[in-house]
Amino acid sequence: MRFFKSYSHGRIPAGATDFLKKDHKLAALLPAVERMAALQKDCAAALPSMFAHCDILAFEDGQLLLSTPSAALAAKLKQQLPKLQEMLQRKGWQIHNIKLRVQMMKAAEIKEEMRALSLPPAAVDAFEALSVSLEQSKQNSDLIQALRLMVRRRRDRPDY
């Protein structure tokens, strides 16, 4: 038995093109938006997947301006420009020149916070036993000192 009615049931979210169609002034932008989306799709199909972060900034008078997130990617893309231009011309795009512009793109995804690694008490005890059992020599002195320091730090932690 349902006690509430979902208002979003059966509704489809409006896309950018639907938004542009609703306003007659903005509807004039629709052909340009569709053309740029088609060109972006054709560029993505023509280039290897490593160029997924490249975007079209402008396309006017046969000149295509692409943005790249780094200079290294721009250098690699520069090698692919003749192939890209040829493939786009085969698809009917009148492109005479392609330029690249390096600029910061969308923010990188935030990586998950790394969890702090912990050693079980038995492992800490084993490292302590190793530091005691190692022969006192010039070669082992740094290792023994590092083991003792690690054991002391681990035991001082609140999660020990």
N, C-alpha and C. Protein backbone atom coordinates (compact mmCIF):
# COMPACT_ATOMS: atom_id res chain seq x y z
N MET A 1 0.84 -1.16 0.00
CA MET A 1 0.00 0.00 0.00
C MET A 1 0.89 1.23 0.00
N ARG A 2 0.64 2.17 -0.89
CA ARG A 2 1.44 3.38 -1.01
C ARG A 2 0.71 4.54 -0.35
N PHE A 3 1.46 5.27 0.47
CA PHE A 3 0.89 6.41 1.16
C PHE A 3 1.26 7.74 0.52
N PHE A 4 2.07 7.70 -0.51
CA PHE A 4 2.47 8.94 -1.17
C PHE A 4 2.48 8.71 -2.67
N LYS A 5 2.43 9.80 -3.38
CA LYS A 5 2.46 9.73 -4.83
C LYS A 5 3.75 10.35 -5.31
N SER A 6 4.49 9.63 -6.09
CA SER A 6 5.75 10.13 -6.61
C SER A 6 5.46 11.11 -7.74
N TYR A 7 5.94 12.33 -7.57
CA TYR A 7 5.69 13.34 -8.60
C TYR A 7 6.57 13.14 -9.81
N SER A 8 7.70 12.45 -9.64
CA SER A 8 8.58 12.27 -10.78
C SER A 8 8.22 11.04 -11.59
N HIS A 9 7.24 10.27 -11.13
CA HIS A 9 6.86 9.06 -11.84
C HIS A 9 6.34 9.40 -13.24
N GLY A 10 6.98 8.86 -14.24
CA GLY A 10 6.54 9.08 -15.61
C GLY A 10 7.11 10.32 -16.26
N ARG A 11 7.83 11.15 -15.51
CA ARG A 11 8.40 12.36 -16.09
C ARG A 11 9.79 12.06 -16.61
N ILE A 12 10.09 12.64 -17.74
CA ILE A 12 11.42 12.50 -18.33
C ILE A 12 12.13 13.84 -18.16
N PRO A 13 13.37 13.82 -17.68
CA PRO A 13 14.07 15.10 -17.49
C PRO A 13 14.26 15.81 -18.83
N ALA A 14 14.13 17.11 -18.80
CA ALA A 14 14.28 17.91 -20.01
C ALA A 14 15.75 18.07 -20.34
N GLY A 15 16.09 17.86 -21.60
CA GLY A 15 17.45 18.04 -22.04
C GLY A 15 17.70 19.48 -22.46
N ALA A 16 18.93 19.75 -22.82
CA ALA A 16 19.29 21.10 -23.22
C ALA A 16 18.54 21.51 -24.49
N THR A 17 18.35 20.59 -25.41
CA THR A 17 17.65 20.93 -26.64
C THR A 17 16.18 21.24 -26.37
N ASP A 18 15.58 20.51 -25.43
CA ASP A 18 14.18 20.79 -25.07
C ASP A 18 14.05 22.18 -24.46
N PHE A 19 15.03 22.54 -23.65
CA PHE A 19 15.04 23.88 -23.05
C PHE A 19 15.14 24.96 -24.11
N LEU A 20 16.00 24.74 -25.11
CA LEU A 20 16.17 25.73 -26.17
C LEU A 20 14.91 25.85 -27.04
N LYS A 21 14.21 24.75 -27.23
CA LYS A 21 13.01 24.77 -28.06
C LYS A 21 11.88 25.58 -27.44
N LYS A 22 11.85 25.67 -26.11
CA LYS A 22 10.74 26.34 -25.43
C LYS A 22 10.75 27.85 -25.61
N ASP A 23 11.90 28.44 -25.80
CA ASP A 23 12.02 29.89 -25.93
C ASP A 23 12.38 30.21 -27.38
N HIS A 24 11.60 31.04 -28.03
CA HIS A 24 11.82 31.31 -29.45
C HIS A 24 13.14 32.04 -29.70
N LYS A 25 13.60 32.83 -28.73
CA LYS A 25 14.89 33.52 -28.90
C LYS A 25 16.05 32.54 -28.78
N LEU A 26 15.92 31.62 -27.84
CA LEU A 26 16.97 30.63 -27.66
C LEU A 26 16.91 29.54 -28.73
N ALA A 27 15.75 29.35 -29.33
CA ALA A 27 15.60 28.32 -30.35
C ALA A 27 16.50 28.59 -31.55
N ALA A 28 16.90 29.83 -31.74
CA ALA A 28 17.81 30.15 -32.84
C ALA A 28 19.18 29.52 -32.61
N LEU A 29 19.52 29.23 -31.37
CA LEU A 29 20.80 28.59 -31.05
C LEU A 29 20.80 27.09 -31.31
N LEU A 30 19.63 26.49 -31.41
CA LEU A 30 19.51 25.05 -31.52
C LEU A 30 20.29 24.46 -32.69
N PRO A 31 20.21 25.00 -33.90
CA PRO A 31 20.99 24.42 -35.00
C PRO A 31 22.50 24.44 -34.73
N ALA A 32 22.98 25.52 -34.13
CA ALA A 32 24.41 25.62 -33.82
C ALA A 32 24.81 24.59 -32.76
N VAL A 33 23.97 24.41 -31.77
CA VAL A 33 24.25 23.44 -30.71
C VAL A 33 24.27 22.03 -31.29
N GLU A 34 23.30 21.72 -32.12
CA GLU A 34 23.25 20.39 -32.73
C GLU A 34 24.45 20.15 -33.64
N ARG A 35 24.86 21.19 -34.39
CA ARG A 35 26.02 21.08 -35.28
C ARG A 35 27.30 20.84 -34.48
N MET A 36 27.48 21.57 -33.38
CA MET A 36 28.67 21.40 -32.54
C MET A 36 28.67 20.01 -31.89
N ALA A 37 27.51 19.54 -31.46
CA ALA A 37 27.43 18.21 -30.85
C ALA A 37 27.78 17.13 -31.87
N ALA A 38 27.29 17.28 -33.09
CA ALA A 38 27.62 16.31 -34.14
C ALA A 38 29.10 16.34 -34.47
N LEU A 39 29.68 17.52 -34.51
CA LEU A 39 31.12 17.65 -34.79
C LEU A 39 31.94 17.04 -33.66
N GLN A 40 31.54 17.28 -32.43
CA GLN A 40 32.23 16.69 -31.27
C GLN A 40 32.17 15.17 -31.34
N LYS A 41 31.02 14.64 -31.72
CA LYS A 41 30.86 13.19 -31.83
C LYS A 41 31.75 12.63 -32.93
N ASP A 42 31.82 13.31 -34.07
CA ASP A 42 32.67 12.85 -35.17
C ASP A 42 34.15 12.94 -34.80
N CYS A 43 34.54 13.97 -34.06
CA CYS A 43 35.93 14.09 -33.60
C CYS A 43 36.27 12.95 -32.65
N ALA A 44 35.37 12.65 -31.74
CA ALA A 44 35.60 11.58 -30.77
C ALA A 44 35.73 10.23 -31.47
N ALA A 45 34.96 10.04 -32.55
CA ALA A 45 35.04 8.78 -33.29
C ALA A 45 36.34 8.68 -34.07
N ALA A 46 36.87 9.81 -34.51
CA ALA A 46 38.07 9.81 -35.34
C ALA A 46 39.36 9.70 -34.52
N LEU A 47 39.32 10.10 -33.26
CA LEU A 47 40.52 10.12 -32.44
C LEU A 47 40.54 8.95 -31.45
N PRO A 48 41.75 8.54 -31.05
CA PRO A 48 41.84 7.49 -30.03
C PRO A 48 41.21 7.95 -28.71
N SER A 49 40.93 6.99 -27.85
CA SER A 49 40.22 7.29 -26.61
C SER A 49 41.00 8.20 -25.67
N MET A 50 42.31 8.28 -25.81
CA MET A 50 43.08 9.15 -24.92
C MET A 50 42.75 10.62 -25.14
N PHE A 51 42.06 10.96 -26.22
CA PHE A 51 41.70 12.33 -26.51
C PHE A 51 40.26 12.64 -26.07
N ALA A 52 39.74 11.85 -25.16
CA ALA A 52 38.36 12.04 -24.70
C ALA A 52 38.17 13.37 -23.98
N HIS A 53 39.24 13.93 -23.44
CA HIS A 53 39.12 15.18 -22.69
C HIS A 53 39.30 16.42 -23.57
N CYS A 54 39.44 16.23 -24.86
CA CYS A 54 39.55 17.36 -25.78
C CYS A 54 38.14 17.80 -26.16
N ASP A 55 37.95 19.10 -26.23
CA ASP A 55 36.64 19.65 -26.58
C ASP A 55 36.77 20.65 -27.71
N ILE A 56 35.66 20.88 -28.40
CA ILE A 56 35.62 21.87 -29.47
C ILE A 56 35.30 23.22 -28.84
N LEU A 57 36.16 24.18 -29.09
CA LEU A 57 35.91 25.53 -28.59
C LEU A 57 35.16 26.36 -29.62
N ALA A 58 35.54 26.21 -30.89
CA ALA A 58 34.90 27.02 -31.93
C ALA A 58 35.07 26.32 -33.28
N PHE A 59 34.12 26.62 -34.18
CA PHE A 59 34.21 26.15 -35.55
C PHE A 59 33.58 27.22 -36.43
N GLU A 60 34.44 28.03 -37.06
CA GLU A 60 33.97 29.12 -37.91
C GLU A 60 34.84 29.20 -39.15
N ASP A 61 34.22 29.46 -40.27
CA ASP A 61 34.91 29.67 -41.54
C ASP A 61 35.93 28.57 -41.85
N GLY A 62 35.57 27.33 -41.60
CA GLY A 62 36.44 26.22 -41.92
C GLY A 62 37.60 26.04 -40.96
N GLN A 63 37.61 26.77 -39.87
CA GLN A 63 38.68 26.65 -38.89
C GLN A 63 38.12 26.05 -37.60
N LEU A 64 38.73 24.94 -37.20
CA LEU A 64 38.30 24.22 -36.00
C LEU A 64 39.30 24.50 -34.88
N LEU A 65 38.79 24.91 -33.72
CA LEU A 65 39.64 25.19 -32.56
C LEU A 65 39.30 24.17 -31.48
N LEU A 66 40.31 23.35 -31.12
CA LEU A 66 40.15 22.32 -30.11
C LEU A 66 40.90 22.70 -28.85
N SER A 67 40.34 22.36 -27.70
CA SER A 67 41.03 22.59 -26.44
C SER A 67 41.58 21.27 -25.93
N THR A 68 42.76 21.34 -25.31
CA THR A 68 43.38 20.16 -24.71
C THR A 68 43.73 20.51 -23.26
N PRO A 69 43.68 19.54 -22.37
CA PRO A 69 43.96 19.84 -20.97
C PRO A 69 45.44 19.99 -20.63
N SER A 70 46.33 19.56 -21.53
CA SER A 70 47.76 19.67 -21.23
C SER A 70 48.57 19.82 -22.51
N ALA A 71 49.77 20.35 -22.36
CA ALA A 71 50.66 20.52 -23.50
C ALA A 71 51.10 19.17 -24.06
N ALA A 72 51.27 18.19 -23.18
CA ALA A 72 51.68 16.86 -23.63
C ALA A 72 50.62 16.24 -24.53
N LEU A 73 49.37 16.38 -24.15
CA LEU A 73 48.29 15.85 -24.97
C LEU A 73 48.17 16.64 -26.28
N ALA A 74 48.43 17.93 -26.22
CA ALA A 74 48.39 18.75 -27.43
C ALA A 74 49.47 18.30 -28.41
N ALA A 75 50.65 17.96 -27.91
CA ALA A 75 51.73 17.49 -28.78
C ALA A 75 51.35 16.17 -29.45
N LYS A 76 50.72 15.27 -28.70
CA LYS A 76 50.28 14.00 -29.29
C LYS A 76 49.15 14.22 -30.29
N LEU A 77 48.25 15.13 -29.96
CA LEU A 77 47.12 15.41 -30.84
C LEU A 77 47.58 16.07 -32.14
N LYS A 78 48.63 16.87 -32.05
CA LYS A 78 49.15 17.55 -33.23
C LYS A 78 49.57 16.54 -34.30
N GLN A 79 50.06 15.38 -33.86
CA GLN A 79 50.44 14.33 -34.80
C GLN A 79 49.23 13.71 -35.47
N GLN A 80 48.08 13.78 -34.82
CA GLN A 80 46.85 13.18 -35.34
C GLN A 80 46.00 14.14 -36.18
N LEU A 81 46.40 15.41 -36.25
CA LEU A 81 45.57 16.40 -36.93
C LEU A 81 45.32 16.10 -38.41
N PRO A 82 46.32 15.69 -39.20
CA PRO A 82 46.01 15.37 -40.60
C PRO A 82 44.97 14.26 -40.74
N LYS A 83 45.10 13.23 -39.92
CA LYS A 83 44.14 12.13 -39.94
C LYS A 83 42.75 12.62 -39.54
N LEU A 84 42.69 13.44 -38.50
CA LEU A 84 41.42 13.99 -38.04
C LEU A 84 40.77 14.84 -39.12
N GLN A 85 41.55 15.71 -39.74
CA GLN A 85 41.01 16.58 -40.78
C GLN A 85 40.48 15.76 -41.96
N GLU A 86 41.22 14.74 -42.34
CA GLU A 86 40.79 13.90 -43.46
C GLU A 86 39.49 13.16 -43.14
N MET A 87 39.41 12.61 -41.93
CA MET A 87 38.20 11.87 -41.56
C MET A 87 36.99 12.79 -41.47
N LEU A 88 37.20 14.00 -40.93
CA LEU A 88 36.08 14.93 -40.84
C LEU A 88 35.63 15.41 -42.22
N GLN A 89 36.57 15.60 -43.13
CA GLN A 89 36.21 16.00 -44.49
C GLN A 89 35.45 14.88 -45.19
N ARG A 90 35.82 13.64 -44.91
CA ARG A 90 35.08 12.51 -45.50
C ARG A 90 33.65 12.46 -44.99
N LYS A 91 33.43 12.95 -43.77
CA LYS A 91 32.08 12.97 -43.20
C LYS A 91 31.30 14.21 -43.63
N GLY A 92 31.92 15.07 -44.42
CA GLY A 92 31.21 16.22 -44.95
C GLY A 92 31.50 17.55 -44.28
N TRP A 93 32.39 17.58 -43.32
CA TRP A 93 32.73 18.82 -42.63
C TRP A 93 33.74 19.59 -43.46
N GLN A 94 33.49 20.86 -43.69
CA GLN A 94 34.40 21.72 -44.46
C GLN A 94 35.44 22.32 -43.52
N ILE A 95 36.48 21.56 -43.24
CA ILE A 95 37.52 21.99 -42.31
C ILE A 95 38.81 22.19 -43.10
N HIS A 96 39.34 23.41 -43.04
CA HIS A 96 40.57 23.73 -43.76
C HIS A 96 41.76 23.84 -42.82
N ASN A 97 41.50 24.10 -41.55
CA ASN A 97 42.58 24.31 -40.60
C ASN A 97 42.10 23.88 -39.21
N ILE A 98 43.00 23.25 -38.46
CA ILE A 98 42.69 22.85 -37.08
C ILE A 98 43.75 23.45 -36.17
N LYS A 99 43.30 24.16 -35.16
CA LYS A 99 44.22 24.75 -34.19
C LYS A 99 43.95 24.15 -32.82
N LEU A 100 44.99 24.15 -32.00
CA LEU A 100 44.88 23.61 -30.64
C LEU A 100 45.12 24.71 -29.63
N ARG A 101 44.41 24.64 -28.52
CA ARG A 101 44.62 25.57 -27.42
C ARG A 101 44.68 24.77 -26.12
N VAL A 102 45.75 24.96 -25.40
CA VAL A 102 45.89 24.28 -24.11
C VAL A 102 45.21 25.13 -23.06
N GLN A 103 44.27 24.53 -22.35
CA GLN A 103 43.59 25.24 -21.28
C GLN A 103 43.08 24.23 -20.28
N MET A 104 42.95 24.69 -19.06
CA MET A 104 42.48 23.81 -18.00
C MET A 104 41.05 23.39 -18.31
N MET A 105 40.79 22.15 -18.06
CA MET A 105 39.46 21.61 -18.34
C MET A 105 38.71 21.41 -17.03
N LYS A 106 37.73 20.56 -17.09
CA LYS A 106 36.93 20.25 -15.91
C LYS A 106 37.84 19.74 -14.79
N ALA A 107 37.44 20.02 -13.58
CA ALA A 107 38.23 19.56 -12.43
C ALA A 107 38.29 18.05 -12.41
N ALA A 108 39.43 17.54 -12.07
CA ALA A 108 39.60 16.10 -11.99
C ALA A 108 38.70 15.55 -10.88
N GLU A 109 38.30 14.32 -11.08
CA GLU A 109 37.46 13.70 -10.07
C GLU A 109 38.22 13.63 -8.75
N ILE A 110 37.52 13.86 -7.69
CA ILE A 110 38.14 13.81 -6.37
C ILE A 110 38.36 12.34 -6.02
N LYS A 111 39.60 12.03 -5.74
CA LYS A 111 39.93 10.64 -5.41
C LYS A 111 39.53 10.37 -3.97
N GLU A 112 39.22 9.13 -3.73
CA GLU A 112 38.86 8.73 -2.39
C GLU A 112 40.03 8.97 -1.45
N GLU A 113 39.70 9.34 -0.24
CA GLU A 113 40.74 9.55 0.75
C GLU A 113 41.37 8.21 1.07
N MET A 114 42.69 8.20 1.05
CA MET A 114 43.38 6.95 1.34
C MET A 114 43.22 6.60 2.80
N ARG A 115 42.93 5.36 3.05
CA ARG A 115 42.77 4.94 4.43
C ARG A 115 44.14 4.69 5.03
N ALA A 116 44.25 4.96 6.28
CA ALA A 116 45.52 4.75 6.98
C ALA A 116 45.70 3.25 7.21
N LEU A 117 46.85 2.77 6.84
CA LEU A 117 47.13 1.36 7.04
C LEU A 117 47.56 1.13 8.47
N SER A 118 47.14 0.01 9.00
CA SER A 118 47.53 -0.30 10.37
C SER A 118 48.08 -1.71 10.42
N LEU A 119 48.98 -1.92 11.33
CA LEU A 119 49.54 -3.24 11.54
C LEU A 119 48.90 -3.86 12.76
N PRO A 120 48.59 -5.14 12.70
CA PRO A 120 48.05 -5.78 13.90
C PRO A 120 49.15 -5.85 14.97
N PRO A 121 48.75 -5.93 16.23
CA PRO A 121 49.74 -5.98 17.31
C PRO A 121 50.76 -7.11 17.14
N ALA A 122 50.35 -8.23 16.59
CA ALA A 122 51.28 -9.35 16.40
C ALA A 122 52.40 -8.97 15.42
N ALA A 123 52.05 -8.18 14.38
CA ALA A 123 53.07 -7.74 13.43
C ALA A 123 54.04 -6.76 14.07
N VAL A 124 53.52 -5.86 14.91
CA VAL A 124 54.38 -4.90 15.60
C VAL A 124 55.33 -5.65 16.54
N ASP A 125 54.80 -6.68 17.24
CA ASP A 125 55.64 -7.49 18.12
C ASP A 125 56.72 -8.23 17.33
N ALA A 126 56.36 -8.70 16.13
CA ALA A 126 57.33 -9.41 15.30
C ALA A 126 58.44 -8.47 14.84
N PHE A 127 58.10 -7.23 14.50
CA PHE A 127 59.14 -6.26 14.11
C PHE A 127 60.05 -5.93 15.29
N GLU A 128 59.45 -5.86 16.48
CA GLU A 128 60.26 -5.60 17.67
C GLU A 128 61.22 -6.76 17.93
N ALA A 129 60.71 -7.99 17.79
CA ALA A 129 61.56 -9.17 17.99
C ALA A 129 62.68 -9.21 16.95
N LEU A 130 62.37 -8.79 15.73
CA LEU A 130 63.40 -8.75 14.68
C LEU A 130 64.47 -7.73 15.03
N SER A 131 64.05 -6.57 15.53
CA SER A 131 65.05 -5.53 15.87
C SER A 131 65.96 -5.99 17.00
N VAL A 132 65.45 -6.81 17.91
CA VAL A 132 66.25 -7.32 19.02
C VAL A 132 67.16 -8.46 18.55
N SER A 133 66.66 -9.28 17.64
CA SER A 133 67.43 -10.47 17.23
C SER A 133 68.50 -10.18 16.18
N LEU A 134 68.42 -9.04 15.50
CA LEU A 134 69.44 -8.71 14.50
C LEU A 134 70.79 -8.48 15.16
N GLU A 135 71.82 -8.91 14.48
CA GLU A 135 73.19 -8.72 14.99
C GLU A 135 73.54 -7.23 14.97
N GLN A 136 74.13 -6.76 16.06
CA GLN A 136 74.56 -5.36 16.14
C GLN A 136 75.82 -5.19 15.29
N SER A 137 75.61 -4.62 14.09
CA SER A 137 76.75 -4.35 13.22
C SER A 137 76.53 -3.02 12.52
N LYS A 138 77.57 -2.57 11.85
CA LYS A 138 77.47 -1.30 11.14
C LYS A 138 76.42 -1.39 10.02
N GLN A 139 76.35 -2.54 9.37
CA GLN A 139 75.39 -2.73 8.28
C GLN A 139 73.94 -2.75 8.78
N ASN A 140 73.72 -3.31 9.96
CA ASN A 140 72.36 -3.46 10.49
C ASN A 140 71.91 -2.30 11.35
N SER A 141 72.79 -1.39 11.71
CA SER A 141 72.43 -0.33 12.66
C SER A 141 71.28 0.54 12.16
N ASP A 142 71.29 0.94 10.90
CA ASP A 142 70.19 1.77 10.37
C ASP A 142 68.87 1.00 10.35
N LEU A 143 68.94 -0.28 9.98
CA LEU A 143 67.73 -1.09 9.95
C LEU A 143 67.15 -1.27 11.36
N ILE A 144 68.02 -1.56 12.32
CA ILE A 144 67.57 -1.74 13.70
C ILE A 144 66.94 -0.45 14.22
N GLN A 145 67.58 0.67 13.94
CA GLN A 145 67.05 1.97 14.38
C GLN A 145 65.68 2.25 13.74
N ALA A 146 65.53 1.93 12.44
CA ALA A 146 64.26 2.16 11.74
C ALA A 146 63.16 1.25 12.30
N LEU A 147 63.50 0.00 12.58
CA LEU A 147 62.52 -0.93 13.15
C LEU A 147 62.05 -0.46 14.52
N ARG A 148 62.98 -0.04 15.37
CA ARG A 148 62.61 0.43 16.71
C ARG A 148 61.74 1.69 16.64
N LEU A 149 62.07 2.59 15.72
CA LEU A 149 61.29 3.81 15.55
C LEU A 149 59.86 3.48 15.09
N MET A 150 59.75 2.55 14.13
CA MET A 150 58.44 2.15 13.63
C MET A 150 57.61 1.51 14.75
N VAL A 151 58.23 0.63 15.53
CA VAL A 151 57.51 -0.02 16.63
C VAL A 151 57.04 1.01 17.64
N ARG A 152 57.89 1.96 18.00
CA ARG A 152 57.52 2.99 18.97
C ARG A 152 56.36 3.85 18.44
N ARG A 153 56.45 4.23 17.16
CA ARG A 153 55.38 5.06 16.58
C ARG A 153 54.05 4.31 16.50
N ARG A 154 54.11 3.04 16.15
CA ARG A 154 52.88 2.25 16.05
C ARG A 154 52.23 2.08 17.42
N ARG A 155 53.03 1.88 18.44
CA ARG A 155 52.47 1.68 19.77
C ARG A 155 51.94 2.98 20.37
N ASP A 156 52.46 4.12 19.91
CA ASP A 156 51.97 5.41 20.40
C ASP A 156 50.67 5.85 19.74
N ARG A 157 50.27 5.16 18.67
CA ARG A 157 49.04 5.54 17.96
C ARG A 157 47.81 5.19 18.78
N PRO A 158 46.76 6.01 18.67
CA PRO A 158 45.54 5.73 19.45
C PRO A 158 44.81 4.47 19.00
N ASP A 159 45.01 4.04 17.76
CA ASP A 159 44.29 2.86 17.27
C ASP A 159 45.04 1.56 17.55
N TYR A 160 46.15 1.62 18.32
CA TYR A 160 46.91 0.40 18.61
C TYR A 160 46.27 -0.36 19.72
